Amino acid sequence: MRTVINISGIWLCLLLTFTAAGQQRDTLPDQPSAQDSSYIIVRNILVSGNKKTRTSIILRELNLKPGDTIYLKTLGETLEASRKQLLNTSLFLNATANIKNWEGREADVVYEVWERWYLFAFPIFKLADRNFNQWWVEQKRSLKRVNVGVKAFQDNFTGRNDDVYADVTVGYTQKFLLGYNLPYIDRQFRHGLGFVVSYSRNREINYISDHNKQQFLRQDEFLRRQFMLGLTYTYRKAIKTRHQLSLSYHNEAVNDSVVLLNPDYLGGGHKDMGYLELAYRFNYIHADSWQYPLKGTLLQGELSKAGIGPLSGLDYVKIRLKATKYWELARKTYGALGLMGQTKFTDNQPYIGMRAMGYGDDYLRGLEYYVIDGTSYFIFKSTLRREVLNFRIQLPVVPKKFSNLPIRVLVKTYGDMGYAYSKFTKNGILNNRMLYTAGVGVDVVSFYDTCVRFEYSVNQLGEKGLFLHAKLDM
């Protein structure tokens, strides 16, 4: 007999974790007492090496300001923290921090940065499936399930850490996307704006799930069309905390074949729907690296309302939380615990409003072949990592500043657990029950935020397999 867990208790734990960690302040490392007279006063902050990036944007990311006092016993720690903060912007390949022009109690803090390559335009060869293993094994490496096209993005477009991005793809999905994000529109560097618009259409559609497997329908004509227009406003007073408010319009339409097979795909036998979604998102990160953190804390939260006024094709309130803690347990040995979850009100949703575990980054390692549809779920992940290699490769025939490729290799072991609640399921053998997985793996990390994961996992069904991923697991 399947058991149904009261998820409200889980949300209470999530909220307590979220609130306690969110009360941490964006400050410099703890300073010694005023009795310590060994200190310097920052006279100036100087920056060099930034040909594209505006100096004001760099200074915005630093905790140090002219007139600040730095005690000598924490000087190295303070400079290293500010150097890592510059790297976390993803604007630079490397950065250094030094003290110069030391006169009496005053000195200058000097930063030198190596800028990244900001303009990229390259062909797209992207799998349409949820992950590599699903495409390789279940879809038999079918090239019909591949998107090809061109992707271009200009990071740091005007030197303000703004970015323009565009996608044009054909193949499994025909898609056009254009977006722009400007993080700061005011002189205090706190307020930002952005927009994104996209249109896509497909000849194949995941119209239902059966036994926790996606079922697909394919025809020569287009079965699904999607349009989205979104506007975002961001507020970032401190360095580690960001608030975002977004308003987006969505429209989705399917043809008669989809409605005949699953009248509940859009709900009520409808062939098309439009809805507005208003969302508030909170992000706090205090970690050694924002791309591959090994020490620190990550908190993310979202409160959104889909369905406003007459544009209420989808209608729900969604709460989503994620909290991850990273520790250095010993030299080159790291632990991480992560808890994420989501709930929707009400639990009567059409099929496209039932995405839970197995979609995007919300999955248990070892259950990549499955989806668990529902309106509420939680996932708990634990990982133990050990760095075994840290070296650099000299690349030929590339500009000098990009030729030194850093490589880090970490071995790991992990265990996951999760639970997804669904009021209605179609032969869902994994719904409304506790799920467990475990495994071992290797992470290969380099610059440009690249992480490749090789993982051998086992799940509670007794299934085992080797899985490949190209994103951080938690």
Protein backbone atom coordinates (compact mmCIF):
# COMPACT_ATOMS: atom_id res chain seq x y z
CA MET A 1 0.00 0.00 0.00
CA ARG A 2 1.41 3.37 -0.99
CA THR A 3 1.90 6.00 1.65
CA VAL A 4 1.13 9.68 1.23
CA ILE A 5 3.44 12.05 3.04
CA ASN A 6 2.24 15.34 4.49
CA ILE A 7 4.41 17.75 2.55
CA SER A 8 3.48 20.73 4.73
CA GLY A 9 5.99 19.51 7.34
CA ILE A 10 8.68 19.38 4.71
CA TRP A 11 7.89 22.95 3.66
CA LEU A 12 8.17 24.07 7.28
CA CYS A 13 11.71 22.66 7.44
CA LEU A 14 12.53 24.34 4.16
CA LEU A 15 11.25 27.70 5.33
CA LEU A 16 13.19 27.50 8.60
CA THR A 17 16.39 26.69 6.72
CA PHE A 18 15.70 29.44 4.21
CA THR A 19 15.01 32.08 6.88
CA ALA A 20 17.96 31.26 9.14
CA ALA A 21 20.54 31.24 6.37
CA GLY A 22 19.05 34.31 4.70
CA GLN A 23 19.73 36.35 7.82
CA GLN A 24 23.48 36.26 7.11
CA ARG A 25 24.85 39.67 6.16
CA ASP A 26 26.91 40.66 3.12
CA THR A 27 30.06 41.65 5.00
CA LEU A 28 33.79 41.33 4.88
CA PRO A 29 35.41 38.50 6.85
CA ASP A 30 35.27 39.09 10.59
CA GLN A 31 37.80 41.73 11.60
CA PRO A 32 39.95 41.55 14.76
CA SER A 33 39.22 43.79 17.68
CA ALA A 34 40.14 47.46 17.73
CA GLN A 35 42.97 46.63 20.13
CA ASP A 36 45.00 45.33 17.16
CA SER A 37 46.97 48.33 15.87
CA SER A 38 48.48 46.55 12.85
CA TYR A 39 46.30 47.84 10.06
CA ILE A 40 46.23 49.84 6.85
CA ILE A 41 43.69 52.32 5.52
CA VAL A 42 42.66 51.94 1.88
CA ARG A 43 43.68 55.12 0.06
CA ASN A 44 42.56 54.19 -3.45
CA ILE A 45 41.26 51.16 -5.32
CA LEU A 46 42.93 50.83 -8.72
CA VAL A 47 41.93 48.52 -11.56
CA SER A 48 43.90 47.53 -14.66
CA GLY A 49 43.43 45.11 -17.56
CA ASN A 50 39.77 45.97 -18.20
CA LYS A 51 39.60 47.01 -21.85
CA LYS A 52 35.86 46.34 -22.23
CA THR A 53 34.43 46.29 -18.71
CA ARG A 54 33.75 49.62 -17.09
CA THR A 55 35.71 50.26 -13.92
CA SER A 56 32.53 51.29 -12.11
CA ILE A 57 31.08 47.82 -12.72
CA ILE A 58 34.17 46.19 -11.22
CA LEU A 59 34.13 48.46 -8.17
CA ARG A 60 30.44 47.60 -7.68
CA GLU A 61 31.40 43.96 -7.02
CA LEU A 62 33.93 44.75 -4.27
CA ASN A 63 33.29 45.00 -0.56
CA LEU A 64 36.33 47.24 -0.15
CA LYS A 65 35.96 51.00 -0.47
CA PRO A 66 38.44 53.90 -0.08
CA GLY A 67 38.75 54.76 3.61
CA ASP A 68 38.14 51.17 4.79
CA THR A 69 40.44 49.69 7.42
CA ILE A 70 42.09 46.31 6.83
CA TYR A 71 43.88 44.62 9.72
CA LEU A 72 47.09 42.94 8.66
CA LYS A 73 46.22 39.60 10.23
CA THR A 74 43.23 39.31 7.86
CA LEU A 75 44.78 41.09 4.86
CA GLY A 76 45.32 37.93 2.79
CA GLU A 77 41.83 36.63 3.52
CA THR A 78 40.22 39.96 2.63
CA LEU A 79 42.08 40.33 -0.68
CA GLU A 80 41.38 36.73 -1.67
CA ALA A 81 37.66 37.14 -0.93
CA SER A 82 37.44 40.24 -3.14
CA ARG A 83 39.45 38.53 -5.91
CA LYS A 84 37.05 35.58 -5.94
CA GLN A 85 34.12 37.99 -6.01
CA LEU A 86 35.42 39.40 -9.30
CA LEU A 87 35.73 35.89 -10.74
CA ASN A 88 32.16 35.11 -9.70
CA THR A 89 30.88 37.81 -12.07
CA SER A 90 31.92 35.50 -14.96
CA LEU A 91 33.47 38.54 -16.61
CA PHE A 92 37.09 37.49 -16.16
CA LEU A 93 39.32 34.49 -16.72
CA ASN A 94 41.53 35.50 -13.80
CA ALA A 95 42.13 38.34 -11.37
CA THR A 96 44.83 39.34 -8.87
CA ALA A 97 44.71 41.61 -5.82
CA ASN A 98 47.74 43.34 -4.29
CA ILE A 99 48.77 46.16 -1.98
CA LYS A 100 50.90 48.95 -3.48
CA ASN A 101 52.13 52.45 -2.65
CA TRP A 102 52.28 51.73 1.08
CA GLU A 103 52.97 54.95 2.96
CA GLY A 104 52.54 55.02 6.72
CA ARG A 105 49.11 53.64 7.51
CA GLU A 106 47.74 54.18 3.98
CA ALA A 107 48.06 52.03 0.88
CA ASP A 108 46.40 51.40 -2.48
CA VAL A 109 44.60 48.16 -3.31
CA VAL A 110 45.31 47.20 -6.92
CA TYR A 111 43.34 44.68 -8.98
CA GLU A 112 44.44 43.30 -12.33
CA VAL A 113 41.91 41.39 -14.43
CA TRP A 114 42.07 39.22 -17.53
CA GLU A 115 38.88 39.64 -19.53
CA ARG A 116 37.09 36.70 -21.12
CA TRP A 117 36.04 36.39 -24.73
CA TYR A 118 32.57 37.95 -24.70
CA LEU A 119 31.21 37.39 -28.23
CA PHE A 120 30.19 33.89 -29.23
CA ALA A 121 28.42 32.64 -32.34
CA PHE A 122 28.41 28.93 -32.97
CA PRO A 123 26.28 26.18 -34.50
CA ILE A 124 23.77 24.41 -32.27
CA PHE A 125 23.63 20.64 -32.00
CA LYS A 126 21.33 20.08 -29.05
CA LEU A 127 19.38 17.06 -27.93
CA ALA A 128 15.63 17.52 -27.63
CA ASP A 129 15.37 14.97 -24.85
CA ARG A 130 15.69 15.65 -21.12
CA ASN A 131 19.19 14.21 -20.85
CA PHE A 132 21.89 12.44 -22.84
CA ASN A 133 21.05 8.94 -21.61
CA GLN A 134 17.38 9.20 -22.53
CA TRP A 135 18.37 10.14 -26.09
CA TRP A 136 21.19 7.59 -26.37
CA VAL A 137 19.36 4.58 -24.90
CA GLU A 138 15.58 5.06 -25.07
CA GLN A 139 15.44 7.10 -28.27
CA LYS A 140 18.24 5.06 -29.90
CA ARG A 141 20.36 8.10 -30.79
CA SER A 142 17.76 9.29 -33.31
CA LEU A 143 18.92 12.35 -35.24
CA LYS A 144 15.26 13.29 -35.65
CA ARG A 145 15.39 14.27 -31.96
CA VAL A 146 18.20 16.80 -32.40
CA ASN A 147 17.96 20.56 -32.76
CA VAL A 148 20.42 22.30 -35.07
CA GLY A 149 20.82 26.01 -35.68
CA VAL A 150 22.82 29.03 -34.64
CA LYS A 151 23.24 30.51 -31.18
CA ALA A 152 24.84 33.87 -30.58
CA PHE A 153 25.35 35.92 -27.45
CA GLN A 154 27.32 39.01 -26.62
CA ASP A 155 28.17 39.14 -22.94
CA ASN A 156 29.24 42.44 -21.43
CA PHE A 157 27.69 44.13 -24.46
CA THR A 158 28.32 47.74 -23.41
CA GLY A 159 30.83 47.02 -20.66
CA ARG A 160 28.07 47.11 -18.01
CA ASN A 161 27.87 43.31 -17.60
CA ASP A 162 24.81 43.34 -19.85
CA ASP A 163 24.15 40.63 -22.39
CA VAL A 164 22.29 40.12 -25.67
CA TYR A 165 21.41 36.59 -26.75
CA ALA A 166 19.59 34.97 -29.66
CA ASP A 167 18.75 31.43 -30.82
CA VAL A 168 17.55 30.23 -34.20
CA THR A 169 17.02 26.46 -34.33
CA VAL A 170 15.45 23.93 -36.69
CA GLY A 171 15.05 20.18 -36.43
CA TYR A 172 13.01 18.64 -33.62
CA THR A 173 11.97 22.13 -32.51
CA GLN A 174 11.81 25.19 -34.70
CA LYS A 175 12.54 28.10 -32.41
CA PHE A 176 13.40 31.78 -32.42
CA LEU A 177 14.49 33.55 -29.23
CA LEU A 178 15.83 37.04 -28.52
CA GLY A 179 16.67 38.53 -25.15
CA TYR A 180 18.55 41.33 -23.44
CA ASN A 181 19.50 41.89 -19.81
CA LEU A 182 20.89 45.11 -18.32
CA PRO A 183 21.73 44.57 -14.65
CA TYR A 184 22.06 48.26 -13.75
CA ILE A 185 20.09 51.24 -15.02
CA ASP A 186 20.82 53.65 -12.15
CA ARG A 187 23.90 55.37 -10.76
CA GLN A 188 23.72 53.43 -7.51
CA PHE A 189 23.97 50.12 -9.44
CA ARG A 190 20.95 48.55 -7.81
CA HIS A 191 18.14 48.36 -10.38
CA GLY A 192 18.10 46.39 -13.64
CA LEU A 193 15.76 45.51 -16.51
CA GLY A 194 15.51 42.79 -19.12
CA PHE A 195 13.23 41.19 -21.68
CA VAL A 196 12.94 37.95 -23.65
CA VAL A 197 10.67 36.89 -26.52
CA SER A 198 10.46 33.44 -28.07
CA TYR A 199 8.36 31.42 -30.51
CA SER A 200 8.62 27.68 -31.14
CA ARG A 201 6.74 24.86 -32.83
CA ASN A 202 7.09 21.07 -32.90
CA ARG A 203 6.04 18.15 -35.06
CA GLU A 204 6.44 15.83 -32.08
CA ILE A 205 4.94 16.30 -28.64
CA ASN A 206 5.08 14.64 -25.23
CA TYR A 207 1.31 14.42 -24.83
CA ILE A 208 1.10 12.24 -21.68
CA SER A 209 3.12 10.15 -19.19
CA ASP A 210 2.49 6.44 -18.64
CA HIS A 211 4.34 4.31 -16.05
CA ASN A 212 6.48 7.40 -15.42
CA LYS A 213 7.66 7.44 -19.03
CA GLN A 214 7.00 10.24 -21.49
CA GLN A 215 4.79 9.19 -24.41
CA PHE A 216 5.29 10.95 -27.74
CA LEU A 217 3.18 11.66 -30.81
CA ARG A 218 4.78 12.63 -34.12
CA GLN A 219 3.15 13.83 -37.36
CA ASP A 220 4.22 15.67 -40.48
CA GLU A 221 2.24 18.74 -39.48
CA PHE A 222 3.11 20.89 -36.46
CA LEU A 223 1.42 19.61 -33.33
CA ARG A 224 2.38 22.32 -30.85
CA ARG A 225 3.06 26.07 -30.95
CA GLN A 226 4.36 28.21 -28.10
CA PHE A 227 4.86 31.95 -27.70
CA MET A 228 6.33 33.78 -24.72
CA LEU A 229 7.07 37.42 -23.95
CA GLY A 230 8.65 38.30 -20.62
CA LEU A 231 9.82 41.43 -18.78
CA THR A 232 12.01 41.37 -15.68
CA TYR A 233 13.04 43.88 -13.03
CA THR A 234 15.95 43.12 -10.68
CA TYR A 235 17.06 44.76 -7.45
CA ARG A 236 20.51 44.08 -6.01
CA LYS A 237 21.46 46.31 -3.10
CA ALA A 238 24.15 44.05 -1.67
CA ILE A 239 26.56 41.76 -3.49
CA LYS A 240 25.29 38.32 -2.55
CA THR A 241 21.52 38.94 -2.64
CA ARG A 242 19.36 39.52 -5.71
CA HIS A 243 15.60 40.12 -6.00
CA GLN A 244 13.72 39.72 -9.29
CA LEU A 245 10.17 40.51 -10.34
CA SER A 246 8.95 39.21 -13.70
CA LEU A 247 5.77 39.43 -15.72
CA SER A 248 5.37 37.08 -18.68
CA TYR A 249 2.69 36.20 -21.19
CA HIS A 250 2.44 32.62 -22.47
CA ASN A 251 0.37 31.18 -25.28
CA GLU A 252 0.24 27.52 -26.21
CA ALA A 253 -1.75 25.74 -28.92
CA VAL A 254 -1.99 22.09 -30.01
CA ASN A 255 -3.84 20.41 -32.86
CA ASP A 256 -6.82 18.03 -32.74
CA SER A 257 -4.71 14.86 -32.59
CA VAL A 258 -3.24 15.86 -29.23
CA VAL A 259 -6.65 16.71 -27.76
CA LEU A 260 -8.11 13.38 -28.91
CA LEU A 261 -5.29 11.42 -27.25
CA ASN A 262 -5.25 13.51 -24.07
CA PRO A 263 -8.13 15.95 -23.56
CA ASP A 264 -6.46 17.05 -20.31
CA TYR A 265 -3.24 18.17 -22.01
CA LEU A 266 -4.34 21.83 -21.82
CA GLY A 267 -7.34 21.02 -19.67
CA GLY A 268 -11.00 20.68 -20.54
CA GLY A 269 -10.33 19.54 -24.10
CA HIS A 270 -8.99 22.96 -25.08
CA LYS A 271 -6.77 23.37 -28.14
CA ASP A 272 -5.15 26.61 -27.07
CA MET A 273 -4.63 28.71 -23.96
CA GLY A 274 -3.04 31.97 -22.89
CA TYR A 275 -2.05 33.10 -19.42
CA LEU A 276 -0.11 35.74 -17.55
CA GLU A 277 2.40 34.82 -14.87
CA LEU A 278 3.69 37.17 -12.18
CA ALA A 279 6.70 35.90 -10.24
CA TYR A 280 9.00 37.07 -7.47
CA ARG A 281 12.38 35.33 -7.12
CA PHE A 282 15.01 35.61 -4.43
CA ASN A 283 18.62 34.49 -4.79
CA TYR A 284 21.34 34.50 -2.11
CA ILE A 285 24.78 32.99 -2.62
CA HIS A 286 27.73 33.22 -0.27
CA ALA A 287 30.26 30.77 -1.69
CA ASP A 288 33.83 30.45 -2.90
CA SER A 289 32.58 30.03 -6.47
CA TRP A 290 29.22 30.79 -8.01
CA GLN A 291 29.76 28.34 -10.88
CA TYR A 292 31.10 25.30 -8.98
CA PRO A 293 30.80 26.03 -5.24
CA LEU A 294 32.66 23.90 -2.70
CA LYS A 295 32.30 26.11 0.39
CA GLY A 296 29.39 28.35 1.33
CA THR A 297 25.61 28.66 1.14
CA LEU A 298 23.06 28.93 -1.68
CA LEU A 299 19.42 29.96 -1.18
CA GLN A 300 16.78 30.41 -3.86
CA GLY A 301 13.08 31.06 -3.54
CA GLU A 302 10.16 31.75 -5.86
CA LEU A 303 6.55 32.80 -5.37
CA SER A 304 4.52 33.00 -8.57
CA LYS A 305 0.92 33.37 -9.68
CA ALA A 306 -0.17 32.00 -13.05
CA GLY A 307 -3.52 33.20 -14.30
CA ILE A 308 -4.40 36.88 -13.93
CA GLY A 309 -7.74 38.32 -14.96
CA PRO A 310 -9.07 36.97 -18.27
CA LEU A 311 -5.68 35.44 -19.13
CA SER A 312 -6.02 32.41 -16.88
CA GLY A 313 -5.55 29.36 -19.09
CA LEU A 314 -3.31 28.07 -16.32
CA ASP A 315 -4.31 29.06 -12.81
CA TYR A 316 -2.16 28.32 -9.77
CA VAL A 317 0.00 29.73 -7.01
CA LYS A 318 3.46 28.16 -6.89
CA ILE A 319 6.02 28.18 -4.08
CA ARG A 320 9.50 26.93 -4.89
CA LEU A 321 12.53 26.76 -2.57
CA LYS A 322 16.11 25.52 -2.81
CA ALA A 323 18.78 25.52 -0.09
CA THR A 324 22.29 24.07 -0.41
CA LYS A 325 25.15 24.07 2.08
CA TYR A 326 28.77 23.36 1.06
CA TRP A 327 31.64 22.51 3.46
CA GLU A 328 35.35 21.86 3.24
CA LEU A 329 35.62 18.79 5.48
CA ALA A 330 39.39 18.37 5.09
CA ARG A 331 42.03 19.52 2.67
CA LYS A 332 40.68 18.89 -0.86
CA THR A 333 37.65 17.06 0.58
CA TYR A 334 34.20 18.65 0.36
CA GLY A 335 30.67 17.84 1.42
CA ALA A 336 27.35 19.24 0.21
CA LEU A 337 23.73 18.88 1.31
CA GLY A 338 20.88 20.24 -0.78
CA LEU A 339 17.11 20.43 -0.33
CA MET A 340 14.74 21.63 -3.01
CA GLY A 341 11.02 21.48 -3.44
CA GLN A 342 7.88 22.94 -4.91
CA THR A 343 4.15 23.04 -4.27
CA LYS A 344 1.21 24.33 -6.29
CA PHE A 345 -2.27 25.41 -5.23
CA THR A 346 -4.57 23.96 -6.41
CA ASP A 347 -3.58 20.37 -7.16
CA ASN A 348 -6.11 20.16 -10.03
CA GLN A 349 -3.88 21.02 -12.98
CA PRO A 350 -3.85 20.02 -16.66
CA TYR A 351 -1.01 17.84 -17.90
CA ILE A 352 1.31 20.75 -18.81
CA GLY A 353 0.93 22.08 -15.25
CA MET A 354 2.07 18.79 -13.67
CA ARG A 355 5.81 18.95 -14.32
CA ALA A 356 7.57 17.77 -11.14
CA MET A 357 10.61 15.49 -10.86
CA GLY A 358 12.64 14.49 -13.90
CA TYR A 359 12.37 17.83 -15.70
CA GLY A 360 15.16 20.39 -15.92
CA ASP A 361 17.51 20.17 -12.93
CA ASP A 362 14.92 18.63 -10.56
CA TYR A 363 15.73 14.93 -10.64
CA LEU A 364 17.28 12.15 -8.57
CA ARG A 365 20.61 10.92 -9.87
CA GLY A 366 19.86 7.41 -11.10
CA LEU A 367 16.27 8.12 -12.21
CA GLU A 368 17.15 10.02 -15.38
CA TYR A 369 14.98 7.72 -17.51
CA TYR A 370 11.82 8.59 -15.56
CA VAL A 371 9.49 11.52 -14.97
CA ILE A 372 7.32 11.83 -11.87
CA ASP A 373 4.46 14.21 -12.57
CA GLY A 374 2.75 16.04 -9.74
CA THR A 375 1.98 19.36 -8.10
CA SER A 376 4.20 19.03 -4.99
CA TYR A 377 7.58 17.41 -4.45
CA PHE A 378 10.83 17.59 -2.59
CA ILE A 379 14.37 16.34 -3.36
CA PHE A 380 17.22 15.87 -0.88
CA LYS A 381 20.76 15.43 -2.23
CA SER A 382 24.03 14.68 -0.47
CA THR A 383 27.47 14.60 -2.10
CA LEU A 384 31.00 13.93 -0.87
CA ARG A 385 33.77 15.13 -3.24
CA ARG A 386 37.55 14.73 -3.25
CA GLU A 387 39.83 16.68 -5.58
CA VAL A 388 42.36 14.32 -7.18
CA LEU A 389 43.82 16.41 -10.02
CA ASN A 390 44.39 20.13 -10.60
CA PHE A 391 46.47 21.07 -13.64
CA ARG A 392 46.63 23.25 -16.74
CA ILE A 393 46.85 22.42 -20.44
CA GLN A 394 48.58 24.69 -22.93
CA LEU A 395 46.38 25.03 -26.01
CA PRO A 396 48.02 25.76 -29.36
CA VAL A 397 46.75 28.15 -32.05
CA VAL A 398 44.62 30.26 -29.70
CA PRO A 399 45.19 33.73 -28.25
CA LYS A 400 47.68 33.68 -25.40
CA LYS A 401 45.28 34.67 -22.63
CA PHE A 402 42.95 31.78 -23.57
CA SER A 403 45.68 29.18 -24.17
CA ASN A 404 46.15 28.19 -20.52
CA LEU A 405 43.24 25.81 -19.87
CA PRO A 406 42.69 24.91 -16.17
CA ILE A 407 41.38 21.43 -15.39
CA ARG A 408 40.16 20.12 -12.04
CA VAL A 409 39.07 16.53 -11.50
CA LEU A 410 37.03 15.49 -8.46
CA VAL A 411 35.80 12.01 -7.54
CA LYS A 412 32.59 11.75 -5.56
CA THR A 413 29.98 9.56 -3.94
CA TYR A 414 26.36 10.62 -3.45
CA GLY A 415 22.92 9.67 -2.25
CA ASP A 416 19.53 11.21 -3.12
CA MET A 417 15.98 10.85 -1.91
CA GLY A 418 12.72 12.43 -2.98
CA TYR A 419 8.95 12.33 -3.03
CA ALA A 420 6.37 13.64 -5.53
CA TYR A 421 2.66 13.99 -4.83
CA SER A 422 0.04 13.77 -7.54
CA LYS A 423 -3.71 13.71 -7.05
CA PHE A 424 -4.15 11.91 -10.37
CA THR A 425 -1.64 9.58 -12.03
CA LYS A 426 -1.67 7.30 -15.05
CA ASN A 427 0.00 4.10 -13.84
CA GLY A 428 2.55 6.16 -11.93
CA ILE A 429 4.65 3.54 -10.14
CA LEU A 430 6.97 6.22 -8.69
CA ASN A 431 4.33 8.71 -7.57
CA ASN A 432 3.31 9.18 -3.93
CA ARG A 433 6.16 7.10 -2.54
CA MET A 434 9.65 7.72 -1.17
CA LEU A 435 12.40 7.32 -3.75
CA TYR A 436 16.09 6.59 -3.13
CA THR A 437 19.20 6.55 -5.35
CA ALA A 438 22.97 6.44 -4.84
CA GLY A 439 26.16 6.31 -6.83
CA VAL A 440 29.76 7.32 -7.51
CA GLY A 441 31.14 9.66 -10.13
CA VAL A 442 33.75 12.02 -11.52
CA ASP A 443 33.41 15.79 -12.12
CA VAL A 444 35.67 17.54 -14.64
CA VAL A 445 35.67 21.33 -14.18
CA SER A 446 37.22 24.07 -16.31
CA PHE A 447 36.73 27.76 -17.04
CA TYR A 448 33.77 29.30 -18.87
CA ASP A 449 31.64 27.66 -16.17
CA THR A 450 32.12 24.20 -17.69
CA CYS A 451 31.39 21.07 -15.65
CA VAL A 452 31.13 17.57 -17.14
CA ARG A 453 29.83 14.81 -14.84
CA PHE A 454 30.27 11.06 -15.26
CA GLU A 455 28.07 9.18 -12.79
CA TYR A 456 27.34 5.51 -12.11
CA SER A 457 24.04 5.30 -10.24
CA VAL A 458 21.68 2.71 -8.80
CA ASN A 459 18.02 3.27 -7.88
CA GLN A 460 15.58 1.44 -5.61
CA LEU A 461 14.17 -0.46 -8.59
CA GLY A 462 17.53 -2.22 -8.81
CA GLU A 463 18.45 -0.47 -12.05
CA LYS A 464 22.06 0.59 -12.61
CA GLY A 465 23.68 2.74 -15.26
CA LEU A 466 26.35 5.20 -16.33
CA PHE A 467 25.02 8.75 -16.87
CA LEU A 468 26.57 11.81 -18.49
CA HIS A 469 25.65 15.40 -17.57
CA ALA A 470 27.02 18.85 -18.41
CA LYS A 471 25.73 20.87 -15.42
CA LEU A 472 26.46 21.10 -11.72
CA ASP A 473 24.35 18.55 -9.83
CA MET A 474 23.37 20.78 -6.85
